[in-house]
Amino acid sequence: MFEYEMHQMRAAELVRQADRGRLVGEARKVRAAARRSARQEAEGPVSTPLRKIRFTRTA
C-alpha cells in the first residue's frame, strides 16, 4: 500500500508542476503580446529617415 500512496503523491506533484509550467507559459505569452502592442502604439520614429544622407561623400 505504501508504494501506491507514493505513486499517488508523485502523480499529484507532476500535475502541479505541469500546471505551474502552463501558467508560466501563459504569462510569457501575455507579456510578449503587451510588448508587441506597446510597440505598435508608439508615436512613430524619432530619428531621421534612412534615405537622408548623414555625412557628405569623400572625394
N, C-alpha and C. Protein backbone atom coordinates (compact mmCIF):
# COMPACT_ATOMS: atom_id res chain seq x y z
N MET A 1 0.82 -1.19 0.00
CA MET A 1 0.00 0.00 0.00
C MET A 1 0.87 1.25 0.00
N PHE A 2 2.00 1.20 0.64
CA PHE A 2 2.88 2.37 0.72
C PHE A 2 3.33 2.81 -0.67
N GLU A 3 3.66 1.86 -1.55
CA GLU A 3 4.11 2.21 -2.90
C GLU A 3 2.99 2.90 -3.67
N TYR A 4 1.78 2.45 -3.51
CA TYR A 4 0.64 3.05 -4.18
C TYR A 4 0.47 4.52 -3.74
N GLU A 5 0.58 4.76 -2.43
CA GLU A 5 0.46 6.11 -1.91
C GLU A 5 1.58 7.01 -2.43
N MET A 6 2.80 6.47 -2.50
CA MET A 6 3.93 7.23 -3.05
C MET A 6 3.67 7.56 -4.52
N HIS A 7 3.12 6.60 -5.24
CA HIS A 7 2.80 6.83 -6.64
C HIS A 7 1.76 7.94 -6.79
N GLN A 8 0.73 7.91 -5.95
CA GLN A 8 -0.31 8.94 -6.00
C GLN A 8 0.26 10.32 -5.67
N MET A 9 1.14 10.39 -4.69
CA MET A 9 1.75 11.67 -4.33
C MET A 9 2.62 12.19 -5.47
N ARG A 10 3.38 11.30 -6.09
CA ARG A 10 4.24 11.70 -7.21
C ARG A 10 3.39 12.16 -8.40
N ALA A 11 2.31 11.46 -8.68
CA ALA A 11 1.43 11.85 -9.78
C ALA A 11 0.81 13.23 -9.51
N ALA A 12 0.40 13.47 -8.29
CA ALA A 12 -0.18 14.77 -7.93
C ALA A 12 0.88 15.87 -8.06
N GLU A 13 2.10 15.59 -7.66
CA GLU A 13 3.19 16.57 -7.78
C GLU A 13 3.47 16.88 -9.25
N LEU A 14 3.45 15.88 -10.10
CA LEU A 14 3.67 16.10 -11.53
C LEU A 14 2.56 16.95 -12.14
N VAL A 15 1.33 16.73 -11.70
CA VAL A 15 0.21 17.53 -12.18
C VAL A 15 0.39 18.98 -11.76
N ARG A 16 0.78 19.21 -10.50
CA ARG A 16 1.01 20.57 -10.03
C ARG A 16 2.14 21.24 -10.80
N GLN A 17 3.20 20.48 -11.06
CA GLN A 17 4.34 21.02 -11.81
C GLN A 17 3.92 21.39 -13.24
N ALA A 18 3.11 20.57 -13.87
CA ALA A 18 2.63 20.86 -15.22
C ALA A 18 1.74 22.11 -15.22
N ASP A 19 0.91 22.25 -14.21
CA ASP A 19 0.06 23.44 -14.11
C ASP A 19 0.89 24.71 -13.96
N ARG A 20 1.94 24.63 -13.14
CA ARG A 20 2.82 25.78 -12.98
C ARG A 20 3.51 26.12 -14.30
N GLY A 21 3.94 25.10 -15.01
CA GLY A 21 4.58 25.32 -16.31
C GLY A 21 3.64 25.99 -17.30
N ARG A 22 2.39 25.56 -17.32
CA ARG A 22 1.41 26.18 -18.21
C ARG A 22 1.16 27.63 -17.82
N LEU A 23 1.10 27.89 -16.53
CA LEU A 23 0.87 29.25 -16.06
C LEU A 23 2.03 30.17 -16.45
N VAL A 24 3.24 29.68 -16.33
CA VAL A 24 4.41 30.46 -16.72
C VAL A 24 4.38 30.73 -18.22
N GLY A 25 4.02 29.73 -19.00
CA GLY A 25 3.92 29.91 -20.45
C GLY A 25 2.88 30.95 -20.83
N GLU A 26 1.74 30.91 -20.15
CA GLU A 26 0.70 31.90 -20.41
C GLU A 26 1.18 33.30 -20.05
N ALA A 27 1.87 33.43 -18.93
CA ALA A 27 2.38 34.74 -18.52
C ALA A 27 3.37 35.27 -19.54
N ARG A 28 4.24 34.41 -20.06
CA ARG A 28 5.19 34.84 -21.09
C ARG A 28 4.46 35.32 -22.34
N LYS A 29 3.44 34.60 -22.75
CA LYS A 29 2.68 35.00 -23.95
C LYS A 29 2.00 36.35 -23.74
N VAL A 30 1.43 36.54 -22.55
CA VAL A 30 0.75 37.80 -22.27
C VAL A 30 1.74 38.96 -22.27
N ARG A 31 2.90 38.76 -21.66
CA ARG A 31 3.90 39.82 -21.63
C ARG A 31 4.42 40.14 -23.02
N ALA A 32 4.64 39.11 -23.84
CA ALA A 32 5.11 39.33 -25.20
C ALA A 32 4.05 40.08 -26.01
N ALA A 33 2.79 39.73 -25.83
CA ALA A 33 1.71 40.42 -26.53
C ALA A 33 1.64 41.89 -26.09
N ALA A 34 1.84 42.14 -24.81
CA ALA A 34 1.82 43.51 -24.31
C ALA A 34 2.97 44.32 -24.92
N ARG A 35 4.15 43.70 -25.03
CA ARG A 35 5.28 44.40 -25.64
C ARG A 35 5.00 44.70 -27.11
N ARG A 36 4.42 43.73 -27.82
CA ARG A 36 4.10 43.94 -29.24
C ARG A 36 3.10 45.07 -29.41
N SER A 37 2.06 45.09 -28.60
CA SER A 37 1.05 46.14 -28.72
C SER A 37 1.63 47.49 -28.32
N ALA A 38 2.53 47.52 -27.36
CA ALA A 38 3.15 48.78 -26.96
C ALA A 38 4.01 49.33 -28.09
N ARG A 39 4.69 48.44 -28.81
CA ARG A 39 5.50 48.89 -29.95
C ARG A 39 4.62 49.45 -31.05
N GLN A 40 3.46 48.86 -31.27
CA GLN A 40 2.57 49.32 -32.33
C GLN A 40 1.89 50.64 -31.97
N GLU A 41 1.71 50.88 -30.69
CA GLU A 41 1.04 52.10 -30.24
C GLU A 41 2.00 53.28 -30.10
N ALA A 42 3.26 53.08 -30.39
CA ALA A 42 4.23 54.15 -30.26
C ALA A 42 3.88 55.27 -31.24
N GLU A 43 4.36 56.46 -30.94
CA GLU A 43 4.01 57.61 -31.76
C GLU A 43 4.72 57.64 -33.10
N GLY A 44 5.70 56.84 -33.27
CA GLY A 44 6.40 56.78 -34.54
C GLY A 44 7.89 56.98 -34.37
N PRO A 45 8.62 56.91 -35.45
CA PRO A 45 10.08 57.04 -35.36
C PRO A 45 10.49 58.46 -34.96
N VAL A 46 11.49 58.55 -34.13
CA VAL A 46 12.00 59.83 -33.68
C VAL A 46 13.23 60.21 -34.49
N SER A 47 13.96 59.23 -34.96
CA SER A 47 15.19 59.50 -35.70
C SER A 47 14.87 59.97 -37.12
N THR A 48 15.91 60.42 -37.81
CA THR A 48 15.73 60.89 -39.19
C THR A 48 15.49 59.71 -40.10
N PRO A 49 14.87 59.94 -41.24
CA PRO A 49 14.64 58.84 -42.18
C PRO A 49 15.96 58.28 -42.70
N LEU A 50 15.95 57.01 -43.08
CA LEU A 50 17.18 56.37 -43.54
C LEU A 50 17.64 56.90 -44.89
N ARG A 51 16.74 57.40 -45.70
CA ARG A 51 17.15 57.85 -47.02
C ARG A 51 17.94 59.16 -46.98
N LYS A 52 17.90 59.88 -45.87
CA LYS A 52 18.66 61.11 -45.73
C LYS A 52 20.11 60.76 -45.44
N ILE A 53 21.03 61.33 -46.21
CA ILE A 53 22.46 61.04 -46.04
C ILE A 53 22.98 61.88 -44.88
N ARG A 54 23.59 61.26 -43.93
CA ARG A 54 24.08 61.96 -42.75
C ARG A 54 25.43 62.62 -42.98
N PHE A 55 26.29 62.00 -43.76
CA PHE A 55 27.63 62.52 -43.97
C PHE A 55 27.84 62.76 -45.47
N THR A 56 28.64 63.76 -45.77
CA THR A 56 28.94 64.01 -47.19
C THR A 56 29.91 62.95 -47.68
N ARG A 57 29.89 62.72 -48.96
CA ARG A 57 30.77 61.70 -49.53
C ARG A 57 32.17 62.26 -49.70
N THR A 58 33.14 61.39 -49.51
CA THR A 58 34.53 61.81 -49.65
C THR A 58 34.95 61.74 -51.10
N ALA A 59 36.00 62.51 -51.41
CA ALA A 59 36.48 62.54 -52.79
C ALA A 59 37.29 61.32 -53.13
